[in-house]
Amino acid sequence: LNLLKHYNISKEEKYNGQLVFSKESIPEKLLEKR
């Protein structure tokens, strides 16, 4: 939370729907996920 204060970006940038690491890109199988 403290670092987020330092690396502050606008709400438009923060919530633009583009994650760096998308949840969809995480595989379902355990070995692949690890």
Full PDB file with SEQRES, HELIX, SHEET, SSBOND, CRYST1, ORIGX, SCALE, CONECT and MASTER records, all heavy atoms in Angstrom:
SEQRES   1 A   34  LEU ASN LEU LEU LYS HIS TYR ASN ILE SER LYS GLU GLU          
SEQRES   2 A   34  LYS TYR ASN GLY GLN LEU VAL PHE SER LYS GLU SER ILE          
SEQRES   3 A   34  PRO GLU LYS LEU LEU GLU LYS ARG                              
HELIX    1 AA1 ASN A    2  HIS A    6  1                                   5    
HELIX    2 AA2 LYS A   11  LYS A   14  1                                   4    
HELIX    3 AA3 LYS A   23  SER A   25  5                                   3    
HELIX    4 AA4 LEU A   30  LYS A   33  1                                   4    
CRYST1    1.000    1.000    1.000  90.00  90.00  90.00 P 1           1          
ORIGX1      1.000000  0.000000  0.000000        0.00000                         
ORIGX2      0.000000  1.000000  0.000000        0.00000                         
ORIGX3      0.000000  0.000000  1.000000        0.00000                         
SCALE1      1.000000  0.000000  0.000000        0.00000                         
SCALE2      0.000000  1.000000  0.000000        0.00000                         
SCALE3      0.000000  0.000000  1.000000        0.00000                         
ATOM      1  N   LEU A   1       0.826  -1.208   0.000  1.00  0.00           N  
ATOM      2  CA  LEU A   1       0.000   0.000   0.000  1.00  0.00           C  
ATOM      3  C   LEU A   1       0.861   1.260   0.000  1.00  0.00           C  
ATOM      4  O   LEU A   1       0.557   2.229  -0.697  1.00  0.00           O  
ATOM      5  CB  LEU A   1      -0.955  -0.015   1.195  1.00  0.00           C  
ATOM      6  CG  LEU A   1      -2.070  -1.062   1.133  1.00  0.00           C  
ATOM      7  CD1 LEU A   1      -2.858  -1.090   2.428  1.00  0.00           C  
ATOM      8  CD2 LEU A   1      -2.980  -0.796  -0.059  1.00  0.00           C  
ATOM      9  N   ASN A   2       1.941   1.263   0.772  1.00  0.00           N  
ATOM     10  CA  ASN A   2       2.859   2.409   0.777  1.00  0.00           C  
ATOM     11  C   ASN A   2       3.507   2.601  -0.587  1.00  0.00           C  
ATOM     12  O   ASN A   2       3.657   3.727  -1.066  1.00  0.00           O  
ATOM     13  CB  ASN A   2       3.943   2.250   1.852  1.00  0.00           C  
ATOM     14  CG  ASN A   2       3.400   2.429   3.239  1.00  0.00           C  
ATOM     15  OD1 ASN A   2       2.372   3.057   3.444  1.00  0.00           O  
ATOM     16  ND2 ASN A   2       4.082   1.860   4.214  1.00  0.00           N  
ATOM     17  N   LEU A   3       3.902   1.509  -1.214  1.00  0.00           N  
ATOM     18  CA  LEU A   3       4.517   1.603  -2.547  1.00  0.00           C  
ATOM     19  C   LEU A   3       3.520   2.104  -3.577  1.00  0.00           C  
ATOM     20  O   LEU A   3       3.891   2.847  -4.494  1.00  0.00           O  
ATOM     21  CB  LEU A   3       5.091   0.245  -2.965  1.00  0.00           C  
ATOM     22  CG  LEU A   3       6.361  -0.173  -2.238  1.00  0.00           C  
ATOM     23  CD1 LEU A   3       6.682  -1.631  -2.519  1.00  0.00           C  
ATOM     24  CD2 LEU A   3       7.528   0.719  -2.636  1.00  0.00           C  
ATOM     25  N   LEU A   4       2.261   1.712  -3.434  1.00  0.00           N  
ATOM     26  CA  LEU A   4       1.237   2.204  -4.361  1.00  0.00           C  
ATOM     27  C   LEU A   4       1.063   3.716  -4.242  1.00  0.00           C  
ATOM     28  O   LEU A   4       0.745   4.390  -5.217  1.00  0.00           O  
ATOM     29  CB  LEU A   4      -0.093   1.493  -4.121  1.00  0.00           C  
ATOM     30  CG  LEU A   4      -0.176   0.067  -4.651  1.00  0.00           C  
ATOM     31  CD1 LEU A   4      -1.456  -0.614  -4.177  1.00  0.00           C  
ATOM     32  CD2 LEU A   4      -0.109   0.064  -6.165  1.00  0.00           C  
ATOM     33  N   LYS A   5       1.279   4.265  -3.055  1.00  0.00           N  
ATOM     34  CA  LYS A   5       1.236   5.727  -2.894  1.00  0.00           C  
ATOM     35  C   LYS A   5       2.381   6.376  -3.658  1.00  0.00           C  
ATOM     36  O   LYS A   5       2.209   7.429  -4.254  1.00  0.00           O  
ATOM     37  CB  LYS A   5       1.313   6.099  -1.407  1.00  0.00           C  
ATOM     38  CG  LYS A   5       0.077   5.734  -0.627  1.00  0.00           C  
ATOM     39  CD  LYS A   5       0.261   6.031   0.847  1.00  0.00           C  
ATOM     40  CE  LYS A   5      -0.895   5.475   1.655  1.00  0.00           C  
ATOM     41  NZ  LYS A   5      -0.651   5.568   3.097  1.00  0.00           N  
ATOM     42  N   HIS A   6       3.548   5.750  -3.640  1.00  0.00           N  
ATOM     43  CA  HIS A   6       4.709   6.300  -4.352  1.00  0.00           C  
ATOM     44  C   HIS A   6       4.553   6.132  -5.858  1.00  0.00           C  
ATOM     45  O   HIS A   6       4.838   7.053  -6.623  1.00  0.00           O  
ATOM     46  CB  HIS A   6       6.003   5.627  -3.876  1.00  0.00           C  
ATOM     47  CG  HIS A   6       7.219   6.134  -4.580  1.00  0.00           C  
ATOM     48  ND1 HIS A   6       7.802   7.331  -4.259  1.00  0.00           N  
ATOM     49  CD2 HIS A   6       7.928   5.626  -5.615  1.00  0.00           C  
ATOM     50  CE1 HIS A   6       8.838   7.530  -5.062  1.00  0.00           C  
ATOM     51  NE2 HIS A   6       8.937   6.501  -5.888  1.00  0.00           N  
ATOM     52  N   TYR A   7       4.107   4.962  -6.301  1.00  0.00           N  
ATOM     53  CA  TYR A   7       3.921   4.673  -7.722  1.00  0.00           C  
ATOM     54  C   TYR A   7       2.463   4.928  -8.095  1.00  0.00           C  
ATOM     55  O   TYR A   7       1.768   4.062  -8.593  1.00  0.00           O  
ATOM     56  CB  TYR A   7       4.321   3.229  -8.038  1.00  0.00           C  
ATOM     57  CG  TYR A   7       5.796   2.990  -7.900  1.00  0.00           C  
ATOM     58  CD1 TYR A   7       6.329   2.432  -6.748  1.00  0.00           C  
ATOM     59  CD2 TYR A   7       6.667   3.350  -8.918  1.00  0.00           C  
ATOM     60  CE1 TYR A   7       7.692   2.225  -6.625  1.00  0.00           C  
ATOM     61  CE2 TYR A   7       8.033   3.145  -8.790  1.00  0.00           C  
ATOM     62  CZ  TYR A   7       8.533   2.589  -7.647  1.00  0.00           C  
ATOM     63  OH  TYR A   7       9.882   2.387  -7.519  1.00  0.00           O  
ATOM     64  N   ASN A   8       1.997   6.122  -7.827  1.00  0.00           N  
ATOM     65  CA  ASN A   8       0.606   6.497  -8.021  1.00  0.00           C  
ATOM     66  C   ASN A   8       0.314   6.736  -9.504  1.00  0.00           C  
ATOM     67  O   ASN A   8       1.073   7.404 -10.187  1.00  0.00           O  
ATOM     68  CB  ASN A   8       0.310   7.759  -7.215  1.00  0.00           C  
ATOM     69  CG  ASN A   8      -1.167   8.036  -7.111  1.00  0.00           C  
ATOM     70  OD1 ASN A   8      -1.990   7.174  -7.363  1.00  0.00           O  
ATOM     71  ND2 ASN A   8      -1.506   9.247  -6.741  1.00  0.00           N  
ATOM     72  N   ILE A   9      -0.783   6.157  -9.987  1.00  0.00           N  
ATOM     73  CA  ILE A   9      -1.241   6.402 -11.357  1.00  0.00           C  
ATOM     74  C   ILE A   9      -2.705   6.820 -11.284  1.00  0.00           C  
ATOM     75  O   ILE A   9      -3.373   6.605 -10.267  1.00  0.00           O  
ATOM     76  CB  ILE A   9      -1.067   5.161 -12.270  1.00  0.00           C  
ATOM     77  CG1 ILE A   9      -1.812   3.950 -11.712  1.00  0.00           C  
ATOM     78  CG2 ILE A   9       0.392   4.849 -12.496  1.00  0.00           C  
ATOM     79  CD1 ILE A   9      -1.824   2.740 -12.633  1.00  0.00           C  
ATOM     80  N   SER A  10      -3.215   7.392 -12.366  1.00  0.00           N  
ATOM     81  CA  SER A  10      -4.608   7.849 -12.387  1.00  0.00           C  
ATOM     82  C   SER A  10      -5.554   6.649 -12.316  1.00  0.00           C  
ATOM     83  O   SER A  10      -5.185   5.527 -12.668  1.00  0.00           O  
ATOM     84  CB  SER A  10      -4.876   8.655 -13.658  1.00  0.00           C  
ATOM     85  OG  SER A  10      -4.848   7.802 -14.787  1.00  0.00           O  
ATOM     86  N   LYS A  11      -6.775   6.926 -11.913  1.00  0.00           N  
ATOM     87  CA  LYS A  11      -7.782   5.863 -11.840  1.00  0.00           C  
ATOM     88  C   LYS A  11      -8.063   5.295 -13.222  1.00  0.00           C  
ATOM     89  O   LYS A  11      -8.315   4.103 -13.366  1.00  0.00           O  
ATOM     90  CB  LYS A  11      -9.075   6.392 -11.220  1.00  0.00           C  
ATOM     91  CG  LYS A  11      -8.974   6.625  -9.734  1.00  0.00           C  
ATOM     92  CD  LYS A  11     -10.289   7.054  -9.159  1.00  0.00           C  
ATOM     93  CE  LYS A  11     -10.140   7.259  -7.652  1.00  0.00           C  
ATOM     94  NZ  LYS A  11     -11.390   7.665  -7.017  1.00  0.00           N  
ATOM     95  N   GLU A  12      -8.008   6.152 -14.250  1.00  0.00           N  
ATOM     96  CA  GLU A  12      -8.238   5.678 -15.616  1.00  0.00           C  
ATOM     97  C   GLU A  12      -7.185   4.648 -16.009  1.00  0.00           C  
ATOM     98  O   GLU A  12      -7.483   3.640 -16.637  1.00  0.00           O  
ATOM     99  CB  GLU A  12      -8.226   6.843 -16.612  1.00  0.00           C  
ATOM    100  CG  GLU A  12      -9.414   7.791 -16.471  1.00  0.00           C  
ATOM    101  CD  GLU A  12      -9.237   8.806 -15.340  1.00  0.00           C  
ATOM    102  OE1 GLU A  12      -8.084   9.127 -14.955  1.00  0.00           O  
ATOM    103  OE2 GLU A  12     -10.264   9.273 -14.807  1.00  0.00           O  
ATOM    104  N   GLU A  13      -5.943   4.912 -15.657  1.00  0.00           N  
ATOM    105  CA  GLU A  13      -4.868   3.965 -15.984  1.00  0.00           C  
ATOM    106  C   GLU A  13      -4.970   2.703 -15.133  1.00  0.00           C  
ATOM    107  O   GLU A  13      -4.746   1.597 -15.621  1.00  0.00           O  
ATOM    108  CB  GLU A  13      -3.498   4.612 -15.764  1.00  0.00           C  
ATOM    109  CG  GLU A  13      -3.160   5.686 -16.762  1.00  0.00           C  
ATOM    110  CD  GLU A  13      -1.879   6.410 -16.414  1.00  0.00           C  
ATOM    111  OE1 GLU A  13      -1.660   6.729 -15.227  1.00  0.00           O  
ATOM    112  OE2 GLU A  13      -1.091   6.656 -17.339  1.00  0.00           O  
ATOM    113  N   LYS A  14      -5.305   2.901 -13.874  1.00  0.00           N  
ATOM    114  CA  LYS A  14      -5.366   1.765 -12.951  1.00  0.00           C  
ATOM    115  C   LYS A  14      -6.486   0.796 -13.317  1.00  0.00           C  
ATOM    116  O   LYS A  14      -6.317  -0.410 -13.266  1.00  0.00           O  
ATOM    117  CB  LYS A  14      -5.564   2.275 -11.527  1.00  0.00           C  
ATOM    118  CG  LYS A  14      -5.386   1.225 -10.461  1.00  0.00           C  
ATOM    119  CD  LYS A  14      -5.605   1.776  -9.062  1.00  0.00           C  
ATOM    120  CE  LYS A  14      -4.512   2.711  -8.665  1.00  0.00           C  
ATOM    121  NZ  LYS A  14      -4.627   3.191  -7.283  1.00  0.00           N  
ATOM    122  N   TYR A  15      -7.621   1.337 -13.712  1.00  0.00           N  
ATOM    123  CA  TYR A  15      -8.793   0.499 -13.965  1.00  0.00           C  
ATOM    124  C   TYR A  15      -9.163   0.474 -15.445  1.00  0.00           C  
ATOM    125  O   TYR A  15     -10.333   0.490 -15.804  1.00  0.00           O  
ATOM    126  CB  TYR A  15      -9.976   0.994 -13.124  1.00  0.00           C  
ATOM    127  CG  TYR A  15      -9.674   0.970 -11.652  1.00  0.00           C  
ATOM    128  CD1 TYR A  15      -9.548   2.155 -10.933  1.00  0.00           C  
ATOM    129  CD2 TYR A  15      -9.475  -0.226 -10.976  1.00  0.00           C  
ATOM    130  CE1 TYR A  15      -9.258   2.145  -9.581  1.00  0.00           C  
ATOM    131  CE2 TYR A  15      -9.178  -0.255  -9.625  1.00  0.00           C  
ATOM    132  CZ  TYR A  15      -9.074   0.940  -8.937  1.00  0.00           C  
ATOM    133  OH  TYR A  15      -8.775   0.918  -7.610  1.00  0.00           O  
ATOM    134  N   ASN A  16      -8.173   0.406 -16.309  1.00  0.00           N  
ATOM    135  CA  ASN A  16      -8.432   0.392 -17.753  1.00  0.00           C  
ATOM    136  C   ASN A  16      -8.732  -1.012 -18.288  1.00  0.00           C  
ATOM    137  O   ASN A  16      -8.859  -1.210 -19.483  1.00  0.00           O  
ATOM    138  CB  ASN A  16      -7.270   1.023 -18.524  1.00  0.00           C  
ATOM    139  CG  ASN A  16      -6.000   0.204 -18.460  1.00  0.00           C  
ATOM    140  OD1 ASN A  16      -5.955  -0.871 -17.875  1.00  0.00           O  
ATOM    141  ND2 ASN A  16      -4.951   0.721 -19.055  1.00  0.00           N  
ATOM    142  N   GLY A  17      -8.808  -1.993 -17.406  1.00  0.00           N  
ATOM    143  CA  GLY A  17      -9.156  -3.352 -17.822  1.00  0.00           C  
ATOM    144  C   GLY A  17      -7.990  -4.166 -18.357  1.00  0.00           C  
ATOM    145  O   GLY A  17      -8.174  -5.291 -18.795  1.00  0.00           O  
ATOM    146  N   GLN A  18      -6.787  -3.616 -18.332  1.00  0.00           N  
ATOM    147  CA  GLN A  18      -5.617  -4.324 -18.851  1.00  0.00           C  
ATOM    148  C   GLN A  18      -4.664  -4.650 -17.708  1.00  0.00           C  
ATOM    149  O   GLN A  18      -3.874  -3.802 -17.295  1.00  0.00           O  
ATOM    150  CB  GLN A  18      -4.905  -3.478 -19.900  1.00  0.00           C  
ATOM    151  CG  GLN A  18      -5.755  -3.210 -21.113  1.00  0.00           C  
ATOM    152  CD  GLN A  18      -5.069  -2.299 -22.107  1.00  0.00           C  
ATOM    153  OE1 GLN A  18      -4.149  -1.572 -21.760  1.00  0.00           O  
ATOM    154  NE2 GLN A  18      -5.515  -2.335 -23.345  1.00  0.00           N  
ATOM    155  N   LEU A  19      -4.736  -5.875 -17.227  1.00  0.00           N  
ATOM    156  CA  LEU A  19      -3.820  -6.321 -16.183  1.00  0.00           C  
ATOM    157  C   LEU A  19      -2.483  -6.692 -16.808  1.00  0.00           C  
ATOM    158  O   LEU A  19      -2.430  -7.088 -17.974  1.00  0.00           O  
ATOM    159  CB  LEU A  19      -4.391  -7.541 -15.466  1.00  0.00           C  
ATOM    160  CG  LEU A  19      -5.698  -7.341 -14.705  1.00  0.00           C  
ATOM    161  CD1 LEU A  19      -6.218  -8.674 -14.207  1.00  0.00           C  
ATOM    162  CD2 LEU A  19      -5.501  -6.382 -13.557  1.00  0.00           C  
ATOM    163  N   VAL A  20      -1.422  -6.588 -16.042  1.00  0.00           N  
ATOM    164  CA  VAL A  20      -0.129  -7.056 -16.512  1.00  0.00           C  
ATOM    165  C   VAL A  20      -0.135  -8.576 -16.530  1.00  0.00           C  
ATOM    166  O   VAL A  20       0.325  -9.201 -17.485  1.00  0.00           O  
ATOM    167  CB  VAL A  20       1.022  -6.510 -15.622  1.00  0.00           C  
ATOM    168  CG1 VAL A  20       2.353  -7.097 -16.052  1.00  0.00           C  
ATOM    169  CG2 VAL A  20       1.056  -4.987 -15.678  1.00  0.00           C  
ATOM    170  N   PHE A  21      -0.682  -9.178 -15.485  1.00  0.00           N  
ATOM    171  CA  PHE A  21      -0.798 -10.628 -15.392  1.00  0.00           C  
ATOM    172  C   PHE A  21      -2.280 -10.980 -15.303  1.00  0.00           C  
ATOM    173  O   PHE A  21      -2.879 -10.901 -14.245  1.00  0.00           O  
ATOM    174  CB  PHE A  21      -0.050 -11.166 -14.172  1.00  0.00           C  
ATOM    175  CG  PHE A  21       1.414 -10.872 -14.187  1.00  0.00           C  
ATOM    176  CD1 PHE A  21       1.942  -9.879 -13.383  1.00  0.00           C  
ATOM    177  CD2 PHE A  21       2.265 -11.567 -15.021  1.00  0.00           C  
ATOM    178  CE1 PHE A  21       3.293  -9.601 -13.410  1.00  0.00           C  
ATOM    179  CE2 PHE A  21       3.617 -11.293 -15.054  1.00  0.00           C  
ATOM    180  CZ  PHE A  21       4.131 -10.306 -14.241  1.00  0.00           C  
ATOM    181  N   SER A  22      -2.850 -11.383 -16.409  1.00  0.00           N  
ATOM    182  CA  SER A  22      -4.271 -11.692 -16.481  1.00  0.00           C  
ATOM    183  C   SER A  22      -4.569 -13.007 -15.765  1.00  0.00           C  
ATOM    184  O   SER A  22      -3.808 -13.963 -15.857  1.00  0.00           O  
ATOM    185  CB  SER A  22      -4.684 -11.797 -17.947  1.00  0.00           C  
ATOM    186  OG  SER A  22      -5.954 -12.351 -18.054  1.00  0.00           O  
ATOM    187  N   LYS A  23      -5.691 -13.037 -15.085  1.00  0.00           N  
ATOM    188  CA  LYS A  23      -6.120 -14.259 -14.407  1.00  0.00           C  
ATOM    189  C   LYS A  23      -6.385 -15.373 -15.409  1.00  0.00           C  
ATOM    190  O   LYS A  23      -6.169 -16.543 -15.123  1.00  0.00           O  
ATOM    191  CB  LYS A  23      -7.381 -13.953 -13.610  1.00  0.00           C  
ATOM    192  CG  LYS A  23      -7.529 -14.699 -12.332  1.00  0.00           C  
ATOM    193  CD  LYS A  23      -8.762 -14.228 -11.589  1.00  0.00           C  
ATOM    194  CE  LYS A  23      -8.817 -14.844 -10.225  1.00  0.00           C  
ATOM    195  NZ  LYS A  23     -10.002 -14.458  -9.485  1.00  0.00           N  
ATOM    196  N   GLU A  24      -6.828 -15.003 -16.611  1.00  0.00           N  
ATOM    197  CA  GLU A  24      -7.124 -15.992 -17.645  1.00  0.00           C  
ATOM    198  C   GLU A  24      -5.856 -16.686 -18.140  1.00  0.00           C  
ATOM    199  O   GLU A  24      -5.921 -17.788 -18.668  1.00  0.00           O  
ATOM    200  CB  GLU A  24      -7.849 -15.345 -18.833  1.00  0.00           C  
ATOM    201  CG  GLU A  24      -9.298 -15.004 -18.550  1.00  0.00           C  
ATOM    202  CD  GLU A  24      -9.453 -13.683 -17.796  1.00  0.00           C  
ATOM    203  OE1 GLU A  24      -8.658 -12.749 -18.040  1.00  0.00           O  
ATOM    204  OE2 GLU A  24     -10.350 -13.599 -16.950  1.00  0.00           O  
ATOM    205  N   SER A  25      -4.709 -16.041 -18.003  1.00  0.00           N  
ATOM    206  CA  SER A  25      -3.471 -16.652 -18.496  1.00  0.00           C  
ATOM    207  C   SER A  25      -2.904 -17.687 -17.528  1.00  0.00           C  
ATOM    208  O   SER A  25      -1.959 -18.392 -17.866  1.00  0.00           O  
ATOM    209  CB  SER A  25      -2.420 -15.573 -18.796  1.00  0.00           C  
ATOM    210  OG  SER A  25      -2.057 -14.908 -17.605  1.00  0.00           O  
ATOM    211  N   ILE A  26      -3.487 -17.795 -16.351  1.00  0.00           N  
ATOM    212  CA  ILE A  26      -3.007 -18.768 -15.368  1.00  0.00           C  
ATOM    213  C   ILE A  26      -3.604 -20.133 -15.701  1.00  0.00           C  
ATOM    214  O   ILE A  26      -4.825 -20.285 -15.722  1.00  0.00           O  
ATOM    215  CB  ILE A  26      -3.384 -18.345 -13.936  1.00  0.00           C  
ATOM    216  CG1 ILE A  26      -2.732 -16.999 -13.612  1.00  0.00           C  
ATOM    217  CG2 ILE A  26      -2.977 -19.413 -12.923  1.00  0.00           C  
ATOM    218  CD1 ILE A  26      -3.162 -16.403 -12.291  1.00  0.00           C  
ATOM    219  N   PRO A  27      -2.755 -21.117 -15.993  1.00  0.00           N  
ATOM    220  CA  PRO A  27      -3.268 -22.445 -16.356  1.00  0.00           C  
ATOM    221  C   PRO A  27      -4.047 -23.085 -15.216  1.00  0.00           C  
ATOM    222  O   PRO A  27      -3.858 -22.743 -14.052  1.00  0.00           O  
ATOM    223  CB  PRO A  27      -1.991 -23.254 -16.643  1.00  0.00           C  
ATOM    224  CG  PRO A  27      -0.899 -22.264 -16.756  1.00  0.00           C  
ATOM    225  CD  PRO A  27      -1.312 -21.050 -16.003  1.00  0.00           C  
ATOM    226  N   GLU A  28      -4.918 -24.024 -15.558  1.00  0.00           N  
ATOM    227  CA  GLU A  28      -5.722 -24.709 -14.548  1.00  0.00           C  
ATOM    228  C   GLU A  28      -5.019 -25.911 -13.942  1.00  0.00           C  
ATOM    229  O   GLU A  28      -5.201 -26.212 -12.782  1.00  0.00           O  
ATOM    230  CB  GLU A  28      -7.055 -25.146 -15.159  1.00  0.00           C  
ATOM    231  CG  GLU A  28      -7.972 -23.986 -15.469  1.00  0.00           C  
ATOM    232  CD  GLU A  28      -9.324 -24.441 -15.968  1.00  0.00           C  
ATOM    233  OE1 GLU A  28      -9.751 -25.557 -15.619  1.00  0.00           O  
ATOM    234  OE2 GLU A  28      -9.953 -23.668 -16.698  1.00  0.00           O  
ATOM    235  N   LYS A  29      -4.202 -26.599 -14.733  1.00  0.00           N  
ATOM    236  CA  LYS A  29      -3.536 -27.797 -14.238  1.00  0.00           C  
ATOM    237  C   LYS A  29      -2.424 -27.411 -13.273  1.00  0.00           C  
ATOM    238  O   LYS A  29      -1.692 -26.454 -13.501  1.00  0.00           O  
ATOM    239  CB  LYS A  29      -2.987 -28.626 -15.391  1.00  0.00           C  
ATOM    240  CG  LYS A  29      -4.077 -29.184 -16.276  1.00  0.00           C  
ATOM    241  CD  LYS A  29      -3.533 -30.033 -17.372  1.00  0.00           C  
ATOM    242  CE  LYS A  29      -4.669 -30.574 -18.229  1.00  0.00           C  
ATOM    243  NZ  LYS A  29      -4.171 -31.359 -19.335  1.00  0.00           N  
ATOM    244  N   LEU A  30      -2.284 -28.182 -12.200  1.00  0.00           N  
ATOM    245  CA  LEU A  30      -1.382 -27.837 -11.109  1.00  0.00           C  
ATOM    246  C   LEU A  30       0.065 -27.656 -11.560  1.00  0.00           C  
ATOM    247  O   LEU A  30       0.691 -26.642 -11.232  1.00  0.00           O  
ATOM    248  CB  LEU A  30      -1.469 -28.904 -10.012  1.00  0.00           C  
ATOM    249  CG  LEU A  30      -0.680 -28.599  -8.744  1.00  0.00           C  
ATOM    250  CD1 LEU A  30      -1.167 -27.310  -8.095  1.00  0.00           C  
ATOM    251  CD2 LEU A  30      -0.789 -29.741  -7.760  1.00  0.00           C  
ATOM    252  N   LEU A  31       0.616 -28.601 -12.289  1.00  0.00           N  
ATOM    253  CA  LEU A  31       2.017 -28.495 -12.706  1.00  0.00           C  
ATOM    254  C   LEU A  31       2.221 -27.269 -13.581  1.00  0.00           C  
ATOM    255  O   LEU A  31       3.165 -26.499 -13.378  1.00  0.00           O  
ATOM    256  CB  LEU A  31       2.466 -29.758 -13.446  1.00  0.00           C  
ATOM    257  CG  LEU A  31       3.907 -29.724 -13.970  1.00  0.00           C  
ATOM    258  CD1 LEU A  31       4.893 -29.555 -12.827  1.00  0.00           C  
ATOM    259  CD2 LEU A  31       4.224 -30.972 -14.757  1.00  0.00           C  
ATOM    260  N   GLU A  32       1.329 -27.063 -14.538  1.00  0.00           N  
ATOM    261  CA  GLU A  32       1.439 -25.903 -15.410  1.00  0.00           C  
ATOM    262  C   GLU A  32       1.311 -24.606 -14.613  1.00  0.00           C  
ATOM    263  O   GLU A  32       2.014 -23.638 -14.857  1.00  0.00           O  
ATOM    264  CB  GLU A  32       0.366 -25.952 -16.499  1.00  0.00           C  
ATOM    265  CG  GLU A  32       0.559 -27.097 -17.463  1.00  0.00           C  
ATOM    266  CD  GLU A  32      -0.652 -27.309 -18.363  1.00  0.00           C  
ATOM    267  OE1 GLU A  32      -1.653 -26.564 -18.245  1.00  0.00           O  
ATOM    268  OE2 GLU A  32      -0.593 -28.232 -19.183  1.00  0.00           O  
ATOM    269  N   LYS A  33       0.405 -24.601 -13.642  1.00  0.00           N  
ATOM    270  CA  LYS A  33       0.197 -23.420 -12.813  1.00  0.00           C  
ATOM    271  C   LYS A  33       1.449 -23.110 -11.997  1.00  0.00           C  
ATOM    272  O   LYS A  33       1.850 -21.961 -11.869  1.00  0.00           O  
ATOM    273  CB  LYS A  33      -1.004 -23.631 -11.885  1.00  0.00           C  
ATOM    274  CG  LYS A  33      -1.405 -22.396 -11.106  1.00  0.00           C  
ATOM    275  CD  LYS A  33      -2.571 -22.669 -10.183  1.00  0.00           C  
ATOM    276  CE  LYS A  33      -3.837 -22.796 -10.959  1.00  0.00           C  
ATOM    277  NZ  LYS A  33      -5.031 -22.846 -10.125  1.00  0.00           N  
ATOM    278  N   ARG A  34       2.076 -24.146 -11.453  1.00  0.00           N  
ATOM    279  CA  ARG A  34       3.293 -23.936 -10.653  1.00  0.00           C  
ATOM    280  C   ARG A  34       4.418 -23.375 -11.521  1.00  0.00           C  
ATOM    281  O   ARG A  34       5.123 -22.470 -11.104  1.00  0.00           O  
ATOM    282  CB  ARG A  34       3.729 -25.242  -9.981  1.00  0.00           C  
ATOM    283  CG  ARG A  34       2.808 -25.659  -8.837  1.00  0.00           C  
ATOM    284  CD  ARG A  34       3.324 -26.864  -8.085  1.00  0.00           C  
ATOM    285  NE  ARG A  34       4.626 -26.686  -7.512  1.00  0.00           N  
ATOM    286  CZ  ARG A  34       4.893 -26.069  -6.355  1.00  0.00           C  
ATOM    287  NH1 ARG A  34       3.917 -25.531  -5.668  1.00  0.00           N  
ATOM    288  NH2 ARG A  34       6.108 -25.978  -5.907  1.00  0.00           N  
TER     289      ARG A  34                                                      
MASTER        0    0    0    4    0    0    0    6  288    1    0    3          
END                                                                             
